[in-house]
Amino acid sequence: MKNLLEFILIHLVNFPDDVGVEETVGDREDVYTISVNAADIGRIIGKAGNTIQSIRSIAKVRAMKEHRLIRILVKEPEVSEQSLETSLE
């Protein structure tokens, strides 16, 4: 599942090297925390949250096939001066 999420995210963002997916496996539920560059957070969430909802739907189908429950969280990026300058270019 982690590989699937990374594959989707890398192809959506402008800074693929900054994509990270943390996996926390529980007894019944797996939690995946997505982190991306601050400049890409809008691309991941999408207009009215449509993009992240689509990513969650794809992952949910895969999880159902494996008889697992999942939760996908988006980690709020830490904004630094350098990332602000990069996003303004």
PDB file of N, CA and C in Angstrom:
ATOM      1  N   MET A   1       0.831  -1.196   0.000  1.00  0.00           N
ATOM      2  CA  MET A   1       0.000   0.000   0.000  1.00  0.00           C
ATOM      3  C   MET A   1       0.870   1.252   0.000  1.00  0.00           C
ATOM      4  N   LYS A   2       1.943   1.220   0.782  1.00  0.00           N
ATOM      5  CA  LYS A   2       2.843   2.370   0.847  1.00  0.00           C
ATOM      6  C   LYS A   2       3.412   2.675  -0.537  1.00  0.00           C
ATOM      7  N   ASN A   3       3.783   1.629  -1.272  1.00  0.00           N
ATOM      8  CA  ASN A   3       4.325   1.818  -2.622  1.00  0.00           C
ATOM      9  C   ASN A   3       3.287   2.425  -3.562  1.00  0.00           C
ATOM     10  N   LEU A   4       2.041   1.996  -3.436  1.00  0.00           N
ATOM     11  CA  LEU A   4       0.965   2.544  -4.262  1.00  0.00           C
ATOM     12  C   LEU A   4       0.786   4.033  -3.995  1.00  0.00           C
ATOM     13  N   LEU A   5       0.743   4.411  -2.727  1.00  0.00           N
ATOM     14  CA  LEU A   5       0.574   5.823  -2.377  1.00  0.00           C
ATOM     15  C   LEU A   5       1.751   6.660  -2.869  1.00  0.00           C
ATOM     16  N   GLU A   6       2.967   6.155  -2.685  1.00  0.00           N
ATOM     17  CA  GLU A   6       4.143   6.887  -3.162  1.00  0.00           C
ATOM     18  C   GLU A   6       4.103   7.056  -4.672  1.00  0.00           C
ATOM     19  N   PHE A   7       3.704   6.010  -5.393  1.00  0.00           N
ATOM     20  CA  PHE A   7       3.619   6.078  -6.853  1.00  0.00           C
ATOM     21  C   PHE A   7       2.638   7.166  -7.293  1.00  0.00           C
ATOM     22  N   ILE A   8       1.470   7.188  -6.688  1.00  0.00           N
ATOM     23  CA  ILE A   8       0.457   8.188  -7.040  1.00  0.00           C
ATOM     24  C   ILE A   8       0.960   9.595  -6.729  1.00  0.00           C
ATOM     25  N   LEU A   9       1.497   9.775  -5.540  1.00  0.00           N
ATOM     26  CA  LEU A   9       1.929  11.104  -5.103  1.00  0.00           C
ATOM     27  C   LEU A   9       3.089  11.640  -5.929  1.00  0.00           C
ATOM     28  N   ILE A  10       4.058  10.793  -6.227  1.00  0.00           N
ATOM     29  CA  ILE A  10       5.226  11.235  -6.996  1.00  0.00           C
ATOM     30  C   ILE A  10       4.813  11.771  -8.359  1.00  0.00           C
ATOM     31  N   HIS A  11       3.764  11.190  -8.936  1.00  0.00           N
ATOM     32  CA  HIS A  11       3.320  11.632 -10.257  1.00  0.00           C
ATOM     33  C   HIS A  11       2.385  12.842 -10.211  1.00  0.00           C
ATOM     34  N   LEU A  12       1.988  13.266  -9.020  1.00  0.00           N
ATOM     35  CA  LEU A  12       1.119  14.437  -8.892  1.00  0.00           C
ATOM     36  C   LEU A  12       1.867  15.721  -8.545  1.00  0.00           C
ATOM     37  N   VAL A  13       3.005  15.607  -7.898  1.00  0.00           N
ATOM     38  CA  VAL A  13       3.666  16.773  -7.323  1.00  0.00           C
ATOM     39  C   VAL A  13       4.775  17.326  -8.215  1.00  0.00           C
ATOM     40  N   ASN A  14       5.189  18.547  -7.914  1.00  0.00           N
ATOM     41  CA  ASN A  14       6.306  19.176  -8.622  1.00  0.00           C
ATOM     42  C   ASN A  14       7.650  18.845  -7.987  1.00  0.00           C
ATOM     43  N   PHE A  15       7.641  18.429  -6.721  1.00  0.00           N
ATOM     44  CA  PHE A  15       8.869  18.101  -5.994  1.00  0.00           C
ATOM     45  C   PHE A  15       8.792  16.648  -5.508  1.00  0.00           C
ATOM     46  N   PRO A  16       9.001  15.676  -6.417  1.00  0.00           N
ATOM     47  CA  PRO A  16       8.842  14.265  -6.045  1.00  0.00           C
ATOM     48  C   PRO A  16       9.843  13.777  -4.998  1.00  0.00           C
ATOM     49  N   ASP A  17      10.990  14.431  -4.887  1.00  0.00           N
ATOM     50  CA  ASP A  17      11.983  14.012  -3.892  1.00  0.00           C
ATOM     51  C   ASP A  17      11.519  14.292  -2.465  1.00  0.00           C
ATOM     52  N   ASP A  18      10.546  15.171  -2.306  1.00  0.00           N
ATOM     53  CA  ASP A  18      10.057  15.540  -0.975  1.00  0.00           C
ATOM     54  C   ASP A  18       8.853  14.711  -0.519  1.00  0.00           C
ATOM     55  N   VAL A  19       8.419  13.756  -1.341  1.00  0.00           N
ATOM     56  CA  VAL A  19       7.266  12.924  -0.993  1.00  0.00           C
ATOM     57  C   VAL A  19       7.675  11.897   0.055  1.00  0.00           C
ATOM     58  N   GLY A  20       6.856  11.788   1.079  1.00  0.00           N
ATOM     59  CA  GLY A  20       7.094  10.784   2.114  1.00  0.00           C
ATOM     60  C   GLY A  20       5.783  10.167   2.560  1.00  0.00           C
ATOM     61  N   VAL A  21       5.822   8.873   2.824  1.00  0.00           N
ATOM     62  CA  VAL A  21       4.647   8.174   3.333  1.00  0.00           C
ATOM     63  C   VAL A  21       5.095   7.353   4.537  1.00  0.00           C
ATOM     64  N   GLU A  22       4.547   7.685   5.701  1.00  0.00           N
ATOM     65  CA  GLU A  22       4.845   6.937   6.925  1.00  0.00           C
ATOM     66  C   GLU A  22       3.722   5.938   7.157  1.00  0.00           C
ATOM     67  N   GLU A  23       4.092   4.717   7.460  1.00  0.00           N
ATOM     68  CA  GLU A  23       3.120   3.646   7.654  1.00  0.00           C
ATOM     69  C   GLU A  23       3.116   3.211   9.119  1.00  0.00           C
ATOM     70  N   THR A  24       1.934   3.181   9.715  1.00  0.00           N
ATOM     71  CA  THR A  24       1.769   2.673  11.073  1.00  0.00           C
ATOM     72  C   THR A  24       0.758   1.537  11.009  1.00  0.00           C
ATOM     73  N   VAL A  25       1.222   0.330  11.261  1.00  0.00           N
ATOM     74  CA  VAL A  25       0.371  -0.849  11.141  1.00  0.00           C
ATOM     75  C   VAL A  25      -0.195  -1.202  12.510  1.00  0.00           C
ATOM     76  N   GLY A  26      -1.509  -1.317  12.556  1.00  0.00           N
ATOM     77  CA  GLY A  26      -2.183  -1.710  13.786  1.00  0.00           C
ATOM     78  C   GLY A  26      -2.792  -3.093  13.639  1.00  0.00           C
ATOM     79  N   ASP A  27      -3.539  -3.520  14.641  1.00  0.00           N
ATOM     80  CA  ASP A  27      -4.179  -4.836  14.591  1.00  0.00           C
ATOM     81  C   ASP A  27      -5.204  -4.916  13.462  1.00  0.00           C
ATOM     82  N   ARG A  28      -6.046  -3.903  13.392  1.00  0.00           N
ATOM     83  CA  ARG A  28      -7.097  -3.919  12.373  1.00  0.00           C
ATOM     84  C   ARG A  28      -6.994  -2.770  11.391  1.00  0.00           C
ATOM     85  N   GLU A  29      -6.312  -1.715  11.777  1.00  0.00           N
ATOM     86  CA  GLU A  29      -6.274  -0.516  10.936  1.00  0.00           C
ATOM     87  C   GLU A  29      -4.834  -0.079  10.691  1.00  0.00           C
ATOM     88  N   ASP A  30      -4.554   0.272   9.448  1.00  0.00           N
ATOM     89  CA  ASP A  30      -3.255   0.818   9.079  1.00  0.00           C
ATOM     90  C   ASP A  30      -3.423   2.316   8.837  1.00  0.00           C
ATOM     91  N   VAL A  31      -2.480   3.102   9.330  1.00  0.00           N
ATOM     92  CA  VAL A  31      -2.526   4.554   9.164  1.00  0.00           C
ATOM     93  C   VAL A  31      -1.342   4.971   8.303  1.00  0.00           C
ATOM     94  N   TYR A  32      -1.625   5.737   7.266  1.00  0.00           N
ATOM     95  CA  TYR A  32      -0.597   6.252   6.369  1.00  0.00           C
ATOM     96  C   TYR A  32      -0.603   7.769   6.465  1.00  0.00           C
ATOM     97  N   THR A  33       0.550   8.337   6.762  1.00  0.00           N
ATOM     98  CA  THR A  33       0.682   9.786   6.872  1.00  0.00           C
ATOM     99  C   THR A  33       1.503  10.283   5.697  1.00  0.00           C
ATOM    100  N   ILE A  34       0.893  11.132   4.894  1.00  0.00           N
ATOM    101  CA  ILE A  34       1.522  11.676   3.689  1.00  0.00           C
ATOM    102  C   ILE A  34       2.183  12.997   4.028  1.00  0.00           C
ATOM    103  N   SER A  35       3.412  13.168   3.562  1.00  0.00           N
ATOM    104  CA  SER A  35       4.075  14.469   3.698  1.00  0.00           C
ATOM    105  C   SER A  35       4.657  14.854   2.343  1.00  0.00           C
ATOM    106  N   VAL A  36       4.463  16.107   1.977  1.00  0.00           N
ATOM    107  CA  VAL A  36       4.969  16.632   0.709  1.00  0.00           C
ATOM    108  C   VAL A  36       5.543  18.022   0.941  1.00  0.00           C
ATOM    109  N   ASN A  37       6.190  18.553  -0.071  1.00  0.00           N
ATOM    110  CA  ASN A  37       6.717  19.912  -0.035  1.00  0.00           C
ATOM    111  C   ASN A  37       5.549  20.882   0.166  1.00  0.00           C
ATOM    112  N   ALA A  38       5.802  21.963   0.876  1.00  0.00           N
ATOM    113  CA  ALA A  38       4.752  22.959   1.143  1.00  0.00           C
ATOM    114  C   ALA A  38       4.138  23.502  -0.141  1.00  0.00           C
ATOM    115  N   ALA A  39       4.933  23.593  -1.197  1.00  0.00           N
ATOM    116  CA  ALA A  39       4.425  24.109  -2.468  1.00  0.00           C
ATOM    117  C   ALA A  39       3.467  23.130  -3.143  1.00  0.00           C
ATOM    118  N   ASP A  40       3.507  21.856  -2.760  1.00  0.00           N
ATOM    119  CA  ASP A  40       2.678  20.829  -3.397  1.00  0.00           C
ATOM    120  C   ASP A  40       1.431  20.467  -2.605  1.00  0.00           C
ATOM    121  N   ILE A  41       1.249  21.026  -1.434  1.00  0.00           N
ATOM    122  CA  ILE A  41       0.132  20.617  -0.587  1.00  0.00           C
ATOM    123  C   ILE A  41      -1.216  20.885  -1.267  1.00  0.00           C
ATOM    124  N   GLY A  42      -1.321  21.981  -1.998  1.00  0.00           N
ATOM    125  CA  GLY A  42      -2.558  22.288  -2.716  1.00  0.00           C
ATOM    126  C   GLY A  42      -2.847  21.301  -3.825  1.00  0.00           C
ATOM    127  N   ARG A  43      -1.806  20.795  -4.469  1.00  0.00           N
ATOM    128  CA  ARG A  43      -1.975  19.807  -5.534  1.00  0.00           C
ATOM    129  C   ARG A  43      -2.477  18.478  -4.969  1.00  0.00           C
ATOM    130  N   ILE A  44      -2.033  18.139  -3.771  1.00  0.00           N
ATOM    131  CA  ILE A  44      -2.436  16.879  -3.154  1.00  0.00           C
ATOM    132  C   ILE A  44      -3.873  16.956  -2.649  1.00  0.00           C
ATOM    133  N   ILE A  45      -4.237  18.070  -2.046  1.00  0.00           N
ATOM    134  CA  ILE A  45      -5.591  18.212  -1.514  1.00  0.00           C
ATOM    135  C   ILE A  45      -6.586  18.451  -2.646  1.00  0.00           C
ATOM    136  N   GLY A  46      -6.240  19.307  -3.583  1.00  0.00           N
ATOM    137  CA  GLY A  46      -7.114  19.567  -4.720  1.00  0.00           C
ATOM    138  C   GLY A  46      -8.252  20.509  -4.377  1.00  0.00           C
ATOM    139  N   LYS A  47      -8.959  20.906  -5.396  1.00  0.00           N
ATOM    140  CA  LYS A  47     -10.082  21.824  -5.224  1.00  0.00           C
ATOM    141  C   LYS A  47     -11.195  21.113  -4.461  1.00  0.00           C
ATOM    142  N   ALA A  48     -11.598  21.705  -3.359  1.00  0.00           N
ATOM    143  CA  ALA A  48     -12.644  21.154  -2.481  1.00  0.00           C
ATOM    144  C   ALA A  48     -12.275  19.768  -1.956  1.00  0.00           C
ATOM    145  N   GLY A  49     -10.986  19.442  -1.926  1.00  0.00           N
ATOM    146  CA  GLY A  49     -10.541  18.160  -1.388  1.00  0.00           C
ATOM    147  C   GLY A  49     -10.750  16.973  -2.305  1.00  0.00           C
ATOM    148  N   ASN A  50     -11.037  17.239  -3.574  1.00  0.00           N
ATOM    149  CA  ASN A  50     -11.341  16.149  -4.499  1.00  0.00           C
ATOM    150  C   ASN A  50     -10.159  15.223  -4.755  1.00  0.00           C
ATOM    151  N   THR A  51      -8.948  15.765  -4.843  1.00  0.00           N
ATOM    152  CA  THR A  51      -7.790  14.928  -5.153  1.00  0.00           C
ATOM    153  C   THR A  51      -7.476  13.982  -4.005  1.00  0.00           C
ATOM    154  N   ILE A  52      -7.410  14.487  -2.783  1.00  0.00           N
ATOM    155  CA  ILE A  52      -7.108  13.610  -1.646  1.00  0.00           C
ATOM    156  C   ILE A  52      -8.225  12.596  -1.447  1.00  0.00           C
ATOM    157  N   GLN A  53      -9.448  12.977  -1.720  1.00  0.00           N
ATOM    158  CA  GLN A  53     -10.561  12.032  -1.604  1.00  0.00           C
ATOM    159  C   GLN A  53     -10.423  10.905  -2.624  1.00  0.00           C
ATOM    160  N   SER A  54      -9.974  11.230  -3.824  1.00  0.00           N
ATOM    161  CA  SER A  54      -9.754  10.205  -4.849  1.00  0.00           C
ATOM    162  C   SER A  54      -8.617   9.270  -4.455  1.00  0.00           C
ATOM    163  N   ILE A  55      -7.548   9.835  -3.906  1.00  0.00           N
ATOM    164  CA  ILE A  55      -6.427   9.011  -3.439  1.00  0.00           C
ATOM    165  C   ILE A  55      -6.905   8.067  -2.342  1.00  0.00           C
ATOM    166  N   ARG A  56      -7.703   8.568  -1.422  1.00  0.00           N
ATOM    167  CA  ARG A  56      -8.239   7.730  -0.340  1.00  0.00           C
ATOM    168  C   ARG A  56      -9.138   6.625  -0.887  1.00  0.00           C
ATOM    169  N   SER A  57      -9.931   6.946  -1.904  1.00  0.00           N
ATOM    170  CA  SER A  57     -10.826   5.943  -2.493  1.00  0.00           C
ATOM    171  C   SER A  57     -10.037   4.818  -3.154  1.00  0.00           C
ATOM    172  N   ILE A  58      -8.997   5.169  -3.892  1.00  0.00           N
ATOM    173  CA  ILE A  58      -8.153   4.157  -4.536  1.00  0.00           C
ATOM    174  C   ILE A  58      -7.508   3.266  -3.478  1.00  0.00           C
ATOM    175  N   ALA A  59      -6.973   3.883  -2.437  1.00  0.00           N
ATOM    176  CA  ALA A  59      -6.319   3.122  -1.376  1.00  0.00           C
ATOM    177  C   ALA A  59      -7.323   2.242  -0.626  1.00  0.00           C
ATOM    178  N   LYS A  60      -8.532   2.731  -0.449  1.00  0.00           N
ATOM    179  CA  LYS A  60      -9.557   1.964   0.260  1.00  0.00           C
ATOM    180  C   LYS A  60      -9.927   0.701  -0.512  1.00  0.00           C
ATOM    181  N   VAL A  61     -10.005   0.803  -1.829  1.00  0.00           N
ATOM    182  CA  VAL A  61     -10.304  -0.369  -2.653  1.00  0.00           C
ATOM    183  C   VAL A  61      -9.206  -1.417  -2.490  1.00  0.00           C
ATOM    184  N   ARG A  62      -7.964  -0.960  -2.527  1.00  0.00           N
ATOM    185  CA  ARG A  62      -6.828  -1.885  -2.346  1.00  0.00           C
ATOM    186  C   ARG A  62      -6.861  -2.512  -0.949  1.00  0.00           C
ATOM    187  N   ALA A  63      -7.180  -1.729   0.061  1.00  0.00           N
ATOM    188  CA  ALA A  63      -7.231  -2.240   1.431  1.00  0.00           C
ATOM    189  C   ALA A  63      -8.363  -3.255   1.607  1.00  0.00           C
ATOM    190  N   MET A  64      -9.491  -3.006   0.982  1.00  0.00           N
ATOM    191  CA  MET A  64     -10.612  -3.940   1.072  1.00  0.00           C
ATOM    192  C   MET A  64     -10.233  -5.288   0.480  1.00  0.00           C
ATOM    193  N   LYS A  65      -9.471  -5.252  -0.594  1.00  0.00           N
ATOM    194  CA  LYS A  65      -9.021  -6.491  -1.225  1.00  0.00           C
ATOM    195  C   LYS A  65      -8.137  -7.293  -0.266  1.00  0.00           C
ATOM    196  N   GLU A  66      -7.393  -6.583   0.581  1.00  0.00           N
ATOM    197  CA  GLU A  66      -6.506  -7.223   1.553  1.00  0.00           C
ATOM    198  C   GLU A  66      -7.182  -7.411   2.919  1.00  0.00           C
ATOM    199  N   HIS A  67      -8.483  -7.107   3.014  1.00  0.00           N
ATOM    200  CA  HIS A  67      -9.264  -7.233   4.251  1.00  0.00           C
ATOM    201  C   HIS A  67      -8.663  -6.398   5.381  1.00  0.00           C
ATOM    202  N   ARG A  68      -8.338  -5.153   5.076  1.00  0.00           N
ATOM    203  CA  ARG A  68      -7.751  -4.228   6.048  1.00  0.00           C
ATOM    204  C   ARG A  68      -8.569  -2.940   6.073  1.00  0.00           C
ATOM    205  N   LEU A  69      -8.474  -2.210   7.165  1.00  0.00           N
ATOM    206  CA  LEU A  69      -9.022  -0.861   7.270  1.00  0.00           C
ATOM    207  C   LEU A  69      -7.847   0.101   7.200  1.00  0.00           C
ATOM    208  N   ILE A  70      -8.042   1.225   6.533  1.00  0.00           N
ATOM    209  CA  ILE A  70      -6.952   2.191   6.431  1.00  0.00           C
ATOM    210  C   ILE A  70      -7.451   3.588   6.736  1.00  0.00           C
ATOM    211  N   ARG A  71      -6.500   4.413   7.099  1.00  0.00           N
ATOM    212  CA  ARG A  71      -6.760   5.841   7.284  1.00  0.00           C
ATOM    213  C   ARG A  71      -5.577   6.567   6.659  1.00  0.00           C
ATOM    214  N   ILE A  72      -5.855   7.577   5.860  1.00  0.00           N
ATOM    215  CA  ILE A  72      -4.797   8.357   5.219  1.00  0.00           C
ATOM    216  C   ILE A  72      -4.874   9.783   5.743  1.00  0.00           C
ATOM    217  N   LEU A  73      -3.772  10.234   6.315  1.00  0.00           N
ATOM    218  CA  LEU A  73      -3.673  11.579   6.868  1.00  0.00           C
ATOM    219  C   LEU A  73      -2.673  12.379   6.050  1.00  0.00           C
ATOM    220  N   VAL A  74      -2.885  13.681   5.973  1.00  0.00           N
ATOM    221  CA  VAL A  74      -1.947  14.573   5.292  1.00  0.00           C
ATOM    222  C   VAL A  74      -1.262  15.410   6.355  1.00  0.00           C
ATOM    223  N   LYS A  75       0.043  15.259   6.442  1.00  0.00           N
ATOM    224  CA  LYS A  75       0.826  16.008   7.424  1.00  0.00           C
ATOM    225  C   LYS A  75       0.992  17.438   6.937  1.00  0.00           C
ATOM    226  N   GLU A  76       0.693  18.370   7.814  1.00  0.00           N
ATOM    227  CA  GLU A  76       0.845  19.782   7.467  1.00  0.00           C
ATOM    228  C   GLU A  76       2.331  20.093   7.316  1.00  0.00           C
ATOM    229  N   PRO A  77       2.726  20.624   6.162  1.00  0.00           N
ATOM    230  CA  PRO A  77       4.154  20.886   5.938  1.00  0.00           C
ATOM    231  C   PRO A  77       4.654  22.053   6.778  1.00  0.00           C
ATOM    232  N   GLU A  78       5.912  21.950   7.165  1.00  0.00           N
ATOM    233  CA  GLU A  78       6.550  23.056   7.862  1.00  0.00           C
ATOM    234  C   GLU A  78       7.026  24.043   6.809  1.00  0.00           C
ATOM    235  N   VAL A  79       6.603  25.274   6.926  1.00  0.00           N
ATOM    236  CA  VAL A  79       6.938  26.290   5.935  1.00  0.00           C
ATOM    237  C   VAL A  79       8.200  27.013   6.385  1.00  0.00           C
ATOM    238  N   SER A  80       9.197  26.981   5.528  1.00  0.00           N
ATOM    239  CA  SER A  80      10.434  27.706   5.805  1.00  0.00           C
ATOM    240  C   SER A  80      10.582  28.815   4.778  1.00  0.00           C
ATOM    241  N   GLU A  81      11.520  29.705   5.004  1.00  0.00           N
ATOM    242  CA  GLU A  81      11.739  30.796   4.052  1.00  0.00           C
ATOM    243  C   GLU A  81      12.156  30.255   2.695  1.00  0.00           C
ATOM    244  N   GLN A  82      12.965  29.205   2.690  1.00  0.00           N
ATOM    245  CA  GLN A  82      13.438  28.638   1.433  1.00  0.00           C
ATOM    246  C   GLN A  82      12.279  28.049   0.630  1.00  0.00           C
ATOM    247  N   SER A  83      11.363  27.338   1.290  1.00  0.00           N
ATOM    248  CA  SER A  83      10.243  26.761   0.560  1.00  0.00           C
ATOM    249  C   SER A  83       9.296  27.843   0.054  1.00  0.00           C
ATOM    250  N   LEU A  84       9.175  28.949   0.784  1.00  0.00           N
ATOM    251  CA  LEU A  84       8.359  30.060   0.302  1.00  0.00           C
ATOM    252  C   LEU A  84       8.973  30.677  -0.944  1.00  0.00           C
ATOM    253  N   GLU A  85      10.274  30.856  -0.950  1.00  0.00           N
ATOM    254  CA  GLU A  85      10.949  31.413  -2.118  1.00  0.00           C
ATOM    255  C   GLU A  85      10.798  30.490  -3.316  1.00  0.00           C
ATOM    256  N   THR A  86      10.910  29.189  -3.093  1.00  0.00           N
ATOM    257  CA  THR A  86      10.777  28.217  -4.170  1.00  0.00           C
ATOM    258  C   THR A  86       9.371  28.237  -4.744  1.00  0.00           C
ATOM    259  N   SER A  87       8.356  28.339  -3.893  1.00  0.00           N
ATOM    260  CA  SER A  87       6.983  28.330  -4.378  1.00  0.00           C
ATOM    261  C   SER A  87       6.618  29.616  -5.111  1.00  0.00           C
ATOM    262  N   LEU A  88       7.322  30.701  -4.830  1.00  0.00           N
ATOM    263  CA  LEU A  88       7.038  31.967  -5.502  1.00  0.00           C
ATOM    264  C   LEU A  88       7.690  32.059  -6.872  1.00  0.00           C
ATOM    265  N   GLU A  89       8.664  31.205  -7.149  1.00  0.00           N
ATOM    266  CA  GLU A  89       9.365  31.263  -8.446  1.00  0.00           C
ATOM    267  C   GLU A  89       8.540  30.699  -9.560  1.00  0.00           C
TER     268      GLU A  89
END
